[in-house]
PDB file of N, CA and C in Angstrom:
ATOM      1  N   MET A   1      33.930  -1.327  33.133  1.00  0.00           N
ATOM      2  CA  MET A   1      33.560   0.022  32.749  1.00  0.00           C
ATOM      3  C   MET A   1      33.490   0.093  31.226  1.00  0.00           C
ATOM      4  N   LYS A   2      32.483   0.761  30.736  1.00  0.00           N
ATOM      5  CA  LYS A   2      32.301   0.899  29.292  1.00  0.00           C
ATOM      6  C   LYS A   2      33.271   1.927  28.739  1.00  0.00           C
ATOM      7  N   SER A   3      33.666   1.705  27.510  1.00  0.00           N
ATOM      8  CA  SER A   3      34.543   2.677  26.866  1.00  0.00           C
ATOM      9  C   SER A   3      33.694   3.823  26.314  1.00  0.00           C
ATOM     10  N   LEU A   4      34.346   4.898  25.996  1.00  0.00           N
ATOM     11  CA  LEU A   4      33.648   6.066  25.458  1.00  0.00           C
ATOM     12  C   LEU A   4      32.964   5.725  24.140  1.00  0.00           C
ATOM     13  N   SER A   5      33.604   4.932  23.310  1.00  0.00           N
ATOM     14  CA  SER A   5      32.989   4.578  22.029  1.00  0.00           C
ATOM     15  C   SER A   5      31.746   3.713  22.231  1.00  0.00           C
ATOM     16  N   GLU A   6      31.742   2.843  23.242  1.00  0.00           N
ATOM     17  CA  GLU A   6      30.562   2.037  23.529  1.00  0.00           C
ATOM     18  C   GLU A   6      29.410   2.918  24.024  1.00  0.00           C
ATOM     19  N   LEU A   7      29.722   3.895  24.834  1.00  0.00           N
ATOM     20  CA  LEU A   7      28.685   4.811  25.317  1.00  0.00           C
ATOM     21  C   LEU A   7      28.149   5.678  24.184  1.00  0.00           C
ATOM     22  N   THR A   8      29.038   6.109  23.307  1.00  0.00           N
ATOM     23  CA  THR A   8      28.613   6.899  22.151  1.00  0.00           C
ATOM     24  C   THR A   8      27.706   6.066  21.258  1.00  0.00           C
ATOM     25  N   ASP A   9      28.089   4.817  21.007  1.00  0.00           N
ATOM     26  CA  ASP A   9      27.253   3.929  20.203  1.00  0.00           C
ATOM     27  C   ASP A   9      25.887   3.729  20.852  1.00  0.00           C
ATOM     28  N   PHE A  10      25.862   3.509  22.148  1.00  0.00           N
ATOM     29  CA  PHE A  10      24.602   3.332  22.871  1.00  0.00           C
ATOM     30  C   PHE A  10      23.721   4.573  22.730  1.00  0.00           C
ATOM     31  N   TYR A  11      24.317   5.741  22.859  1.00  0.00           N
ATOM     32  CA  TYR A  11      23.560   6.983  22.744  1.00  0.00           C
ATOM     33  C   TYR A  11      22.916   7.099  21.370  1.00  0.00           C
ATOM     34  N   TYR A  12      23.708   6.926  20.321  1.00  0.00           N
ATOM     35  CA  TYR A  12      23.176   7.118  18.973  1.00  0.00           C
ATOM     36  C   TYR A  12      22.255   5.984  18.526  1.00  0.00           C
ATOM     37  N   GLU A  13      22.400   4.793  19.059  1.00  0.00           N
ATOM     38  CA  GLU A  13      21.535   3.687  18.671  1.00  0.00           C
ATOM     39  C   GLU A  13      20.243   3.643  19.476  1.00  0.00           C
ATOM     40  N   ASN A  14      20.280   4.048  20.729  1.00  0.00           N
ATOM     41  CA  ASN A  14      19.116   3.887  21.605  1.00  0.00           C
ATOM     42  C   ASN A  14      18.500   5.199  22.072  1.00  0.00           C
ATOM     43  N   LEU A  15      19.304   6.083  22.571  1.00  0.00           N
ATOM     44  CA  LEU A  15      18.767   7.296  23.183  1.00  0.00           C
ATOM     45  C   LEU A  15      18.410   8.372  22.164  1.00  0.00           C
ATOM     46  N   HIS A  16      19.259   8.590  21.190  1.00  0.00           N
ATOM     47  CA  HIS A  16      19.058   9.680  20.241  1.00  0.00           C
ATOM     48  C   HIS A  16      17.723   9.568  19.497  1.00  0.00           C
ATOM     49  N   PRO A  17      17.346   8.383  18.970  1.00  0.00           N
ATOM     50  CA  PRO A  17      16.036   8.292  18.304  1.00  0.00           C
ATOM     51  C   PRO A  17      14.873   8.623  19.242  1.00  0.00           C
ATOM     52  N   ALA A  18      14.955   8.172  20.474  1.00  0.00           N
ATOM     53  CA  ALA A  18      13.885   8.462  21.434  1.00  0.00           C
ATOM     54  C   ALA A  18      13.843   9.954  21.752  1.00  0.00           C
ATOM     55  N   ILE A  19      15.001  10.560  21.897  1.00  0.00           N
ATOM     56  CA  ILE A  19      15.063  11.994  22.195  1.00  0.00           C
ATOM     57  C   ILE A  19      14.512  12.803  21.029  1.00  0.00           C
ATOM     58  N   GLU A  20      14.837  12.412  19.805  1.00  0.00           N
ATOM     59  CA  GLU A  20      14.319  13.125  18.636  1.00  0.00           C
ATOM     60  C   GLU A  20      12.798  13.029  18.581  1.00  0.00           C
ATOM     61  N   ASP A  21      12.255  11.860  18.859  1.00  0.00           N
ATOM     62  CA  ASP A  21      10.799  11.685  18.864  1.00  0.00           C
ATOM     63  C   ASP A  21      10.152  12.560  19.924  1.00  0.00           C
ATOM     64  N   LEU A  22      10.713  12.569  21.115  1.00  0.00           N
ATOM     65  CA  LEU A  22      10.178  13.407  22.187  1.00  0.00           C
ATOM     66  C   LEU A  22      10.275  14.888  21.839  1.00  0.00           C
ATOM     67  N   GLU A  23      11.348  15.288  21.185  1.00  0.00           N
ATOM     68  CA  GLU A  23      11.512  16.690  20.807  1.00  0.00           C
ATOM     69  C   GLU A  23      10.448  17.105  19.789  1.00  0.00           C
ATOM     70  N   LYS A  24      10.136  16.238  18.838  1.00  0.00           N
ATOM     71  CA  LYS A  24       9.082  16.536  17.869  1.00  0.00           C
ATOM     72  C   LYS A  24       7.747  16.689  18.568  1.00  0.00           C
ATOM     73  N   LYS A  25       7.465  15.791  19.512  1.00  0.00           N
ATOM     74  CA  LYS A  25       6.207  15.875  20.265  1.00  0.00           C
ATOM     75  C   LYS A  25       6.164  17.139  21.110  1.00  0.00           C
ATOM     76  N   ARG A  26       7.296  17.498  21.724  1.00  0.00           N
ATOM     77  CA  ARG A  26       7.356  18.706  22.548  1.00  0.00           C
ATOM     78  C   ARG A  26       7.055  19.945  21.708  1.00  0.00           C
ATOM     79  N   LYS A  27       7.643  20.011  20.514  1.00  0.00           N
ATOM     80  CA  LYS A  27       7.415  21.167  19.645  1.00  0.00           C
ATOM     81  C   LYS A  27       5.960  21.239  19.204  1.00  0.00           C
ATOM     82  N   HIS A  28       5.354  20.079  18.943  1.00  0.00           N
ATOM     83  CA  HIS A  28       3.952  20.057  18.543  1.00  0.00           C
ATOM     84  C   HIS A  28       3.061  20.563  19.681  1.00  0.00           C
ATOM     85  N   VAL A  29       3.302  20.076  20.880  1.00  0.00           N
ATOM     86  CA  VAL A  29       2.513  20.508  22.039  1.00  0.00           C
ATOM     87  C   VAL A  29       2.727  21.998  22.288  1.00  0.00           C
ATOM     88  N   LYS A  30       3.948  22.454  22.155  1.00  0.00           N
ATOM     89  CA  LYS A  30       4.251  23.875  22.363  1.00  0.00           C
ATOM     90  C   LYS A  30       3.463  24.740  21.388  1.00  0.00           C
ATOM     91  N   SER A  31       3.406  24.345  20.127  1.00  0.00           N
ATOM     92  CA  SER A  31       2.674  25.142  19.145  1.00  0.00           C
ATOM     93  C   SER A  31       1.171  25.114  19.422  1.00  0.00           C
ATOM     94  N   ARG A  32       0.658  23.955  19.863  1.00  0.00           N
ATOM     95  CA  ARG A  32      -0.767  23.870  20.185  1.00  0.00           C
ATOM     96  C   ARG A  32      -1.111  24.746  21.389  1.00  0.00           C
ATOM     97  N   VAL A  33      -0.272  24.730  22.394  1.00  0.00           N
ATOM     98  CA  VAL A  33      -0.499  25.557  23.583  1.00  0.00           C
ATOM     99  C   VAL A  33      -0.438  27.031  23.203  1.00  0.00           C
ATOM    100  N   PHE A  34       0.500  27.402  22.355  1.00  0.00           N
ATOM    101  CA  PHE A  34       0.624  28.789  21.918  1.00  0.00           C
ATOM    102  C   PHE A  34      -0.629  29.231  21.162  1.00  0.00           C
ATOM    103  N   LEU A  35      -1.080  28.391  20.215  1.00  0.00           N
ATOM    104  CA  LEU A  35      -2.278  28.750  19.458  1.00  0.00           C
ATOM    105  C   LEU A  35      -3.497  28.840  20.363  1.00  0.00           C
ATOM    106  N   PHE A  36      -3.636  27.925  21.301  1.00  0.00           N
ATOM    107  CA  PHE A  36      -4.740  27.974  22.250  1.00  0.00           C
ATOM    108  C   PHE A  36      -4.681  29.274  23.046  1.00  0.00           C
ATOM    109  N   GLY A  37      -3.491  29.637  23.494  1.00  0.00           N
ATOM    110  CA  GLY A  37      -3.328  30.867  24.263  1.00  0.00           C
ATOM    111  C   GLY A  37      -3.687  32.103  23.458  1.00  0.00           C
ATOM    112  N   VAL A  38      -3.282  32.119  22.195  1.00  0.00           N
ATOM    113  CA  VAL A  38      -3.588  33.264  21.333  1.00  0.00           C
ATOM    114  C   VAL A  38      -5.096  33.402  21.159  1.00  0.00           C
ATOM    115  N   PHE A  39      -5.770  32.305  20.865  1.00  0.00           N
ATOM    116  CA  PHE A  39      -7.217  32.371  20.647  1.00  0.00           C
ATOM    117  C   PHE A  39      -7.981  32.598  21.942  1.00  0.00           C
ATOM    118  N   PHE A  40      -7.515  32.037  23.030  1.00  0.00           N
ATOM    119  CA  PHE A  40      -8.209  32.172  24.302  1.00  0.00           C
ATOM    120  C   PHE A  40      -8.077  33.572  24.880  1.00  0.00           C
ATOM    121  N   PHE A  41      -6.894  34.158  24.798  1.00  0.00           N
ATOM    122  CA  PHE A  41      -6.658  35.447  25.426  1.00  0.00           C
ATOM    123  C   PHE A  41      -6.949  36.645  24.542  1.00  0.00           C
ATOM    124  N   THR A  42      -7.234  36.421  23.253  1.00  0.00           N
ATOM    125  CA  THR A  42      -7.554  37.554  22.397  1.00  0.00           C
ATOM    126  C   THR A  42      -9.051  37.859  22.410  1.00  0.00           C
ATOM    127  N   ASP A  43      -9.852  36.926  22.918  1.00  0.00           N
ATOM    128  CA  ASP A  43     -11.301  37.173  22.961  1.00  0.00           C
ATOM    129  C   ASP A  43     -11.708  37.949  24.174  1.00  0.00           C
TER     130      ASP A  43
END
């Protein structure tokens, strides 16, 4: 069984960078969808 410190290290070395990248992409897509909705539904 892995120790808590090993799991924490794994999270910050492997998962956290991937999660941050996905979060940036999610925010970008969210803003694009919002802008599309504003322009599409205001006409």
